[in-house]
N, C-alpha and C. Protein backbone atom coordinates (compact mmCIF):
# COMPACT_ATOMS: atom_id res chain seq x y z
N MET A 1 143.03 161.34 249.04
CA MET A 1 141.97 162.12 249.65
C MET A 1 142.51 163.47 250.06
N TYR A 2 141.64 164.47 250.11
CA TYR A 2 142.00 165.81 250.54
C TYR A 2 141.36 166.07 251.90
N VAL A 3 142.16 166.46 252.85
CA VAL A 3 141.67 166.77 254.18
C VAL A 3 141.97 168.24 254.44
N ASP A 4 140.93 169.05 254.54
CA ASP A 4 141.09 170.48 254.75
C ASP A 4 141.85 170.75 256.04
N GLY A 5 142.89 171.56 255.95
CA GLY A 5 143.66 171.93 257.13
C GLY A 5 144.81 170.98 257.45
N LEU A 6 144.92 169.85 256.76
CA LEU A 6 146.00 168.92 257.03
C LEU A 6 147.31 169.52 256.54
N LYS A 7 148.33 169.48 257.36
CA LYS A 7 149.58 170.12 257.03
C LYS A 7 150.65 169.14 256.56
N HIS A 8 150.27 167.90 256.29
CA HIS A 8 151.23 166.88 255.91
C HIS A 8 150.80 166.21 254.62
N ASN A 9 151.78 165.71 253.87
CA ASN A 9 151.49 165.04 252.61
C ASN A 9 150.70 163.76 252.84
N LEU A 10 149.79 163.49 251.96
CA LEU A 10 149.03 162.25 252.03
C LEU A 10 149.61 161.19 251.10
N LEU A 11 150.50 161.59 250.23
CA LEU A 11 151.12 160.67 249.29
C LEU A 11 152.61 160.93 249.29
N SER A 12 153.39 159.90 249.48
CA SER A 12 154.83 160.02 249.43
C SER A 12 155.30 159.58 248.05
N VAL A 13 155.74 160.53 247.26
CA VAL A 13 156.22 160.22 245.92
C VAL A 13 157.46 159.33 246.01
N ILE A 14 158.31 159.58 246.98
CA ILE A 14 159.52 158.77 247.17
C ILE A 14 159.15 157.31 247.41
N GLN A 15 158.17 157.06 248.27
CA GLN A 15 157.78 155.69 248.55
C GLN A 15 157.12 155.04 247.34
N MET A 16 156.39 155.81 246.56
CA MET A 16 155.81 155.28 245.33
C MET A 16 156.93 154.83 244.39
N CYS A 17 157.95 155.67 244.26
CA CYS A 17 159.08 155.34 243.38
C CYS A 17 159.88 154.15 243.91
N ASP A 18 160.06 154.09 245.24
CA ASP A 18 160.78 152.96 245.84
C ASP A 18 160.06 151.64 245.62
N GLN A 19 158.77 151.67 245.39
CA GLN A 19 158.00 150.45 245.14
C GLN A 19 157.96 150.09 243.66
N GLY A 20 158.81 150.70 242.86
CA GLY A 20 158.92 150.35 241.46
C GLY A 20 157.98 151.10 240.54
N ASN A 21 157.60 152.30 240.93
CA ASN A 21 156.71 153.12 240.10
C ASN A 21 157.43 154.36 239.61
N GLU A 22 156.88 154.94 238.57
CA GLU A 22 157.34 156.22 238.05
C GLU A 22 156.18 157.20 238.20
N VAL A 23 156.43 158.37 238.78
CA VAL A 23 155.39 159.36 239.00
C VAL A 23 155.69 160.57 238.12
N ILE A 24 154.71 160.94 237.29
CA ILE A 24 154.89 162.05 236.36
C ILE A 24 153.81 163.09 236.63
N PHE A 25 154.24 164.32 236.95
CA PHE A 25 153.32 165.42 237.17
C PHE A 25 153.34 166.32 235.94
N ARG A 26 152.14 166.69 235.49
CA ARG A 26 151.99 167.60 234.36
C ARG A 26 151.08 168.74 234.79
N SER A 27 150.94 169.73 233.91
CA SER A 27 150.13 170.90 234.26
C SER A 27 148.65 170.56 234.44
N ASN A 28 148.17 169.51 233.80
CA ASN A 28 146.73 169.17 233.91
C ASN A 28 146.45 167.93 234.74
N GLY A 29 147.49 167.22 235.17
CA GLY A 29 147.26 166.01 235.95
C GLY A 29 148.55 165.28 236.23
N CYS A 30 148.42 164.03 236.67
CA CYS A 30 149.58 163.22 236.96
C CYS A 30 149.27 161.76 236.65
N ILE A 31 150.33 160.98 236.47
CA ILE A 31 150.15 159.55 236.28
C ILE A 31 151.20 158.82 237.11
N VAL A 32 150.84 157.60 237.51
CA VAL A 32 151.77 156.71 238.19
C VAL A 32 151.85 155.46 237.32
N ARG A 33 153.05 155.14 236.90
CA ARG A 33 153.27 154.01 236.00
C ARG A 33 154.14 152.98 236.71
N GLU A 34 153.74 151.71 236.62
CA GLU A 34 154.55 150.63 237.17
C GLU A 34 155.67 150.34 236.18
N LEU A 35 156.91 150.46 236.63
CA LEU A 35 158.05 150.36 235.73
C LEU A 35 158.24 148.95 235.15
N ASP A 36 157.95 147.91 235.93
CA ASP A 36 158.17 146.54 235.46
C ASP A 36 157.36 146.22 234.21
N ILE A 37 156.10 146.65 234.19
CA ILE A 37 155.23 146.30 233.07
C ILE A 37 154.89 147.50 232.20
N GLY A 38 155.28 148.69 232.62
CA GLY A 38 155.03 149.90 231.84
C GLY A 38 153.58 150.33 231.81
N GLU A 39 152.78 149.78 232.70
CA GLU A 39 151.33 150.07 232.73
C GLU A 39 151.01 151.20 233.69
N ILE A 40 150.09 152.07 233.28
CA ILE A 40 149.64 153.15 234.16
C ILE A 40 148.70 152.55 235.20
N VAL A 41 149.04 152.75 236.49
CA VAL A 41 148.24 152.16 237.57
C VAL A 41 147.30 153.19 238.20
N ILE A 42 147.67 154.46 238.16
CA ILE A 42 146.84 155.51 238.75
C ILE A 42 146.95 156.76 237.88
N LYS A 43 145.83 157.43 237.68
CA LYS A 43 145.82 158.73 237.01
C LYS A 43 145.25 159.75 237.98
N GLY A 44 145.67 160.98 237.84
CA GLY A 44 145.14 162.03 238.69
C GLY A 44 144.88 163.29 237.88
N ILE A 45 144.00 164.11 238.40
CA ILE A 45 143.71 165.39 237.76
C ILE A 45 144.17 166.51 238.67
N ARG A 46 144.48 167.65 238.08
CA ARG A 46 144.90 168.83 238.85
C ARG A 46 143.71 169.76 238.96
N THR A 47 143.39 170.16 240.18
CA THR A 47 142.26 171.05 240.43
C THR A 47 142.73 172.51 240.31
N PRO A 48 141.80 173.45 240.21
CA PRO A 48 142.17 174.87 240.12
C PRO A 48 142.98 175.38 241.33
N ASN A 49 142.84 174.73 242.49
CA ASN A 49 143.61 175.17 243.66
C ASN A 49 144.92 174.37 243.81
N ASN A 50 145.42 173.82 242.66
CA ASN A 50 146.72 173.14 242.60
C ASN A 50 146.81 171.89 243.47
N LEU A 51 145.75 171.15 243.51
CA LEU A 51 145.72 169.88 244.24
C LEU A 51 145.57 168.76 243.24
N TYR A 52 146.40 167.74 243.34
CA TYR A 52 146.30 166.58 242.46
C TYR A 52 145.42 165.53 243.14
N ILE A 53 144.35 165.15 242.47
CA ILE A 53 143.43 164.15 243.01
C ILE A 53 143.56 162.89 242.18
N LEU A 54 143.87 161.78 242.85
CA LEU A 54 144.06 160.52 242.16
C LEU A 54 142.72 159.86 241.90
N LYS A 55 142.58 159.28 240.73
CA LYS A 55 141.35 158.59 240.33
C LYS A 55 141.68 157.13 240.06
N GLY A 56 140.98 156.24 240.75
CA GLY A 56 141.16 154.81 240.52
C GLY A 56 142.45 154.29 241.09
N GLY A 57 142.78 153.08 240.74
CA GLY A 57 144.00 152.46 241.22
C GLY A 57 143.82 151.91 242.62
N GLN A 58 144.85 151.28 243.08
CA GLN A 58 144.84 150.67 244.40
C GLN A 58 145.14 151.74 245.44
N GLN A 59 144.31 151.83 246.47
CA GLN A 59 144.54 152.82 247.51
C GLN A 59 145.40 152.21 248.60
N GLN A 60 146.54 152.83 248.85
CA GLN A 60 147.46 152.37 249.87
C GLN A 60 147.93 153.56 250.68
N CYS A 61 148.40 153.28 251.85
CA CYS A 61 148.99 154.33 252.68
C CYS A 61 150.50 154.18 252.59
N TYR A 62 151.18 155.25 252.23
CA TYR A 62 152.62 155.22 252.08
C TYR A 62 153.30 156.00 253.21
N LEU A 63 152.82 155.84 254.43
CA LEU A 63 153.39 156.53 255.58
C LEU A 63 154.55 155.70 256.12
N ILE A 64 155.64 156.35 256.42
CA ILE A 64 156.78 155.67 257.02
C ILE A 64 156.42 155.30 258.45
N LYS A 65 156.69 154.06 258.84
CA LYS A 65 156.35 153.60 260.19
C LYS A 65 157.03 154.44 261.26
N ASN A 66 158.23 154.95 260.97
CA ASN A 66 158.94 155.77 261.97
C ASN A 66 158.21 157.07 262.27
N ASP A 67 157.39 157.55 261.34
CA ASP A 67 156.67 158.80 261.53
C ASP A 67 155.28 158.61 262.10
N GLU A 68 154.84 157.37 262.21
CA GLU A 68 153.46 157.11 262.60
C GLU A 68 153.15 157.61 264.01
N HIS A 69 154.09 157.48 264.92
CA HIS A 69 153.83 157.95 266.29
C HIS A 69 153.64 159.46 266.34
N TRP A 70 154.38 160.21 265.50
CA TRP A 70 154.21 161.67 265.47
C TRP A 70 152.88 162.05 264.83
N LEU A 71 152.47 161.31 263.82
CA LEU A 71 151.19 161.56 263.18
C LEU A 71 150.05 161.41 264.19
N TRP A 72 150.08 160.33 264.96
CA TRP A 72 149.03 160.11 265.95
C TRP A 72 149.12 161.11 267.09
N HIS A 73 150.32 161.54 267.44
CA HIS A 73 150.49 162.58 268.47
C HIS A 73 149.78 163.86 268.05
N ARG A 74 149.92 164.23 266.76
CA ARG A 74 149.24 165.43 266.25
C ARG A 74 147.74 165.20 266.12
N ARG A 75 147.34 164.04 265.61
CA ARG A 75 145.91 163.75 265.43
C ARG A 75 145.15 163.78 266.74
N LEU A 76 145.81 163.37 267.81
CA LEU A 76 145.15 163.31 269.12
C LEU A 76 145.39 164.58 269.93
N GLY A 77 145.65 165.67 269.25
CA GLY A 77 145.76 166.97 269.93
C GLY A 77 147.00 167.10 270.79
N HIS A 78 148.11 166.51 270.32
CA HIS A 78 149.40 166.57 271.03
C HIS A 78 149.32 165.91 272.40
N LEU A 79 148.60 164.82 272.45
CA LEU A 79 148.49 164.00 273.66
C LEU A 79 149.86 163.41 273.99
N SER A 80 150.18 163.27 275.26
CA SER A 80 151.49 162.72 275.64
C SER A 80 151.60 161.27 275.18
N PHE A 81 152.82 160.83 274.95
CA PHE A 81 153.03 159.48 274.44
C PHE A 81 152.64 158.42 275.46
N SER A 82 152.77 158.72 276.73
CA SER A 82 152.33 157.75 277.74
C SER A 82 150.82 157.56 277.68
N GLN A 83 150.09 158.63 277.42
CA GLN A 83 148.63 158.52 277.28
C GLN A 83 148.25 157.81 275.97
N ILE A 84 149.02 158.04 274.91
CA ILE A 84 148.76 157.34 273.65
C ILE A 84 148.99 155.85 273.84
N ARG A 85 150.06 155.47 274.55
CA ARG A 85 150.32 154.05 274.83
C ARG A 85 149.16 153.44 275.62
N LYS A 86 148.63 154.22 276.58
CA LYS A 86 147.50 153.73 277.37
C LYS A 86 146.27 153.53 276.49
N ALA A 87 146.05 154.45 275.56
CA ALA A 87 144.93 154.33 274.62
C ALA A 87 145.10 153.09 273.74
N CYS A 88 146.33 152.79 273.36
CA CYS A 88 146.60 151.58 272.58
C CYS A 88 146.30 150.33 273.40
N LYS A 89 146.77 150.35 274.64
CA LYS A 89 146.61 149.18 275.52
C LYS A 89 145.14 148.84 275.75
N TYR A 90 144.33 149.86 276.00
CA TYR A 90 142.91 149.64 276.30
C TYR A 90 142.01 149.76 275.07
N GLN A 91 142.60 149.98 273.89
CA GLN A 91 141.87 150.06 272.63
C GLN A 91 140.69 151.03 272.69
N VAL A 92 140.96 152.25 273.16
CA VAL A 92 139.91 153.24 273.30
C VAL A 92 139.71 154.09 272.04
N VAL A 93 140.63 153.97 271.08
CA VAL A 93 140.53 154.70 269.82
C VAL A 93 140.48 153.67 268.69
N HIS A 94 139.43 153.74 267.87
CA HIS A 94 139.29 152.80 266.76
C HIS A 94 140.44 152.96 265.78
N ASP A 95 140.98 151.84 265.33
CA ASP A 95 142.05 151.79 264.31
C ASP A 95 143.35 152.44 264.75
N LEU A 96 143.54 152.63 266.04
CA LEU A 96 144.81 153.16 266.53
C LEU A 96 145.82 152.02 266.56
N PRO A 97 146.91 152.12 265.77
CA PRO A 97 147.91 151.05 265.77
C PRO A 97 148.71 151.06 267.06
N ASP A 98 149.48 150.04 267.26
CA ASP A 98 150.32 149.95 268.46
C ASP A 98 151.47 150.95 268.30
N ILE A 99 151.37 152.09 268.95
CA ILE A 99 152.33 153.18 268.83
C ILE A 99 153.43 152.99 269.87
N ARG A 100 154.66 153.09 269.40
CA ARG A 100 155.79 153.05 270.33
C ARG A 100 156.17 154.48 270.73
N ILE A 101 156.80 154.61 271.85
CA ILE A 101 157.25 155.93 272.30
C ILE A 101 158.59 156.21 271.60
N PRO A 102 158.69 157.33 270.87
CA PRO A 102 159.94 157.62 270.15
C PRO A 102 161.07 157.99 271.11
N ASP A 103 162.31 157.88 270.62
CA ASP A 103 163.47 158.23 271.42
C ASP A 103 163.47 159.72 271.77
N ASN A 104 163.15 160.54 270.79
CA ASN A 104 163.11 161.98 270.98
C ASN A 104 161.65 162.40 271.08
N THR A 105 161.18 162.70 272.27
CA THR A 105 159.76 163.03 272.47
C THR A 105 159.52 164.53 272.55
N ILE A 106 160.42 165.31 271.99
CA ILE A 106 160.25 166.75 272.02
C ILE A 106 159.52 167.20 270.75
N CYS A 107 158.35 167.80 270.94
CA CYS A 107 157.55 168.31 269.84
C CYS A 107 157.60 169.85 269.93
N LYS A 108 157.98 170.49 268.83
CA LYS A 108 158.10 171.96 268.85
C LYS A 108 156.80 172.64 269.24
N SER A 109 155.68 172.14 268.72
CA SER A 109 154.39 172.73 269.06
C SER A 109 154.10 172.60 270.54
N CYS A 110 154.42 171.45 271.11
CA CYS A 110 154.22 171.24 272.55
C CYS A 110 155.13 172.16 273.37
N GLN A 111 156.35 172.36 272.90
CA GLN A 111 157.26 173.26 273.60
C GLN A 111 156.73 174.69 273.61
N PHE A 112 156.23 175.14 272.44
CA PHE A 112 155.70 176.49 272.36
C PHE A 112 154.46 176.65 273.24
N GLY A 113 153.68 175.58 273.34
CA GLY A 113 152.46 175.63 274.15
C GLY A 113 152.80 175.72 275.61
């Protein structure tokens, strides 16, 4: 999916490859092939604004769990981690996973603010 203004990748090519796939980018599109069986599992097209849009295939999230707390910190407007934990505890945000407080809680954007 394409989210206007999102500054982070929605697809991790490294994680796709780690799961036994081969990812090939071409000038007009891309393909993801499962190496074990050699079958193409996902095809994508390249748009005029240089965005690859995947068509079909299984939709999965390839976000590293270690980065999930930072993703939610940004999504919630740089809310403090203690407040995010409270939101998890009382389930005030739909689909908010159980976020742990990271060891390093310094966010550059929060520092500049």
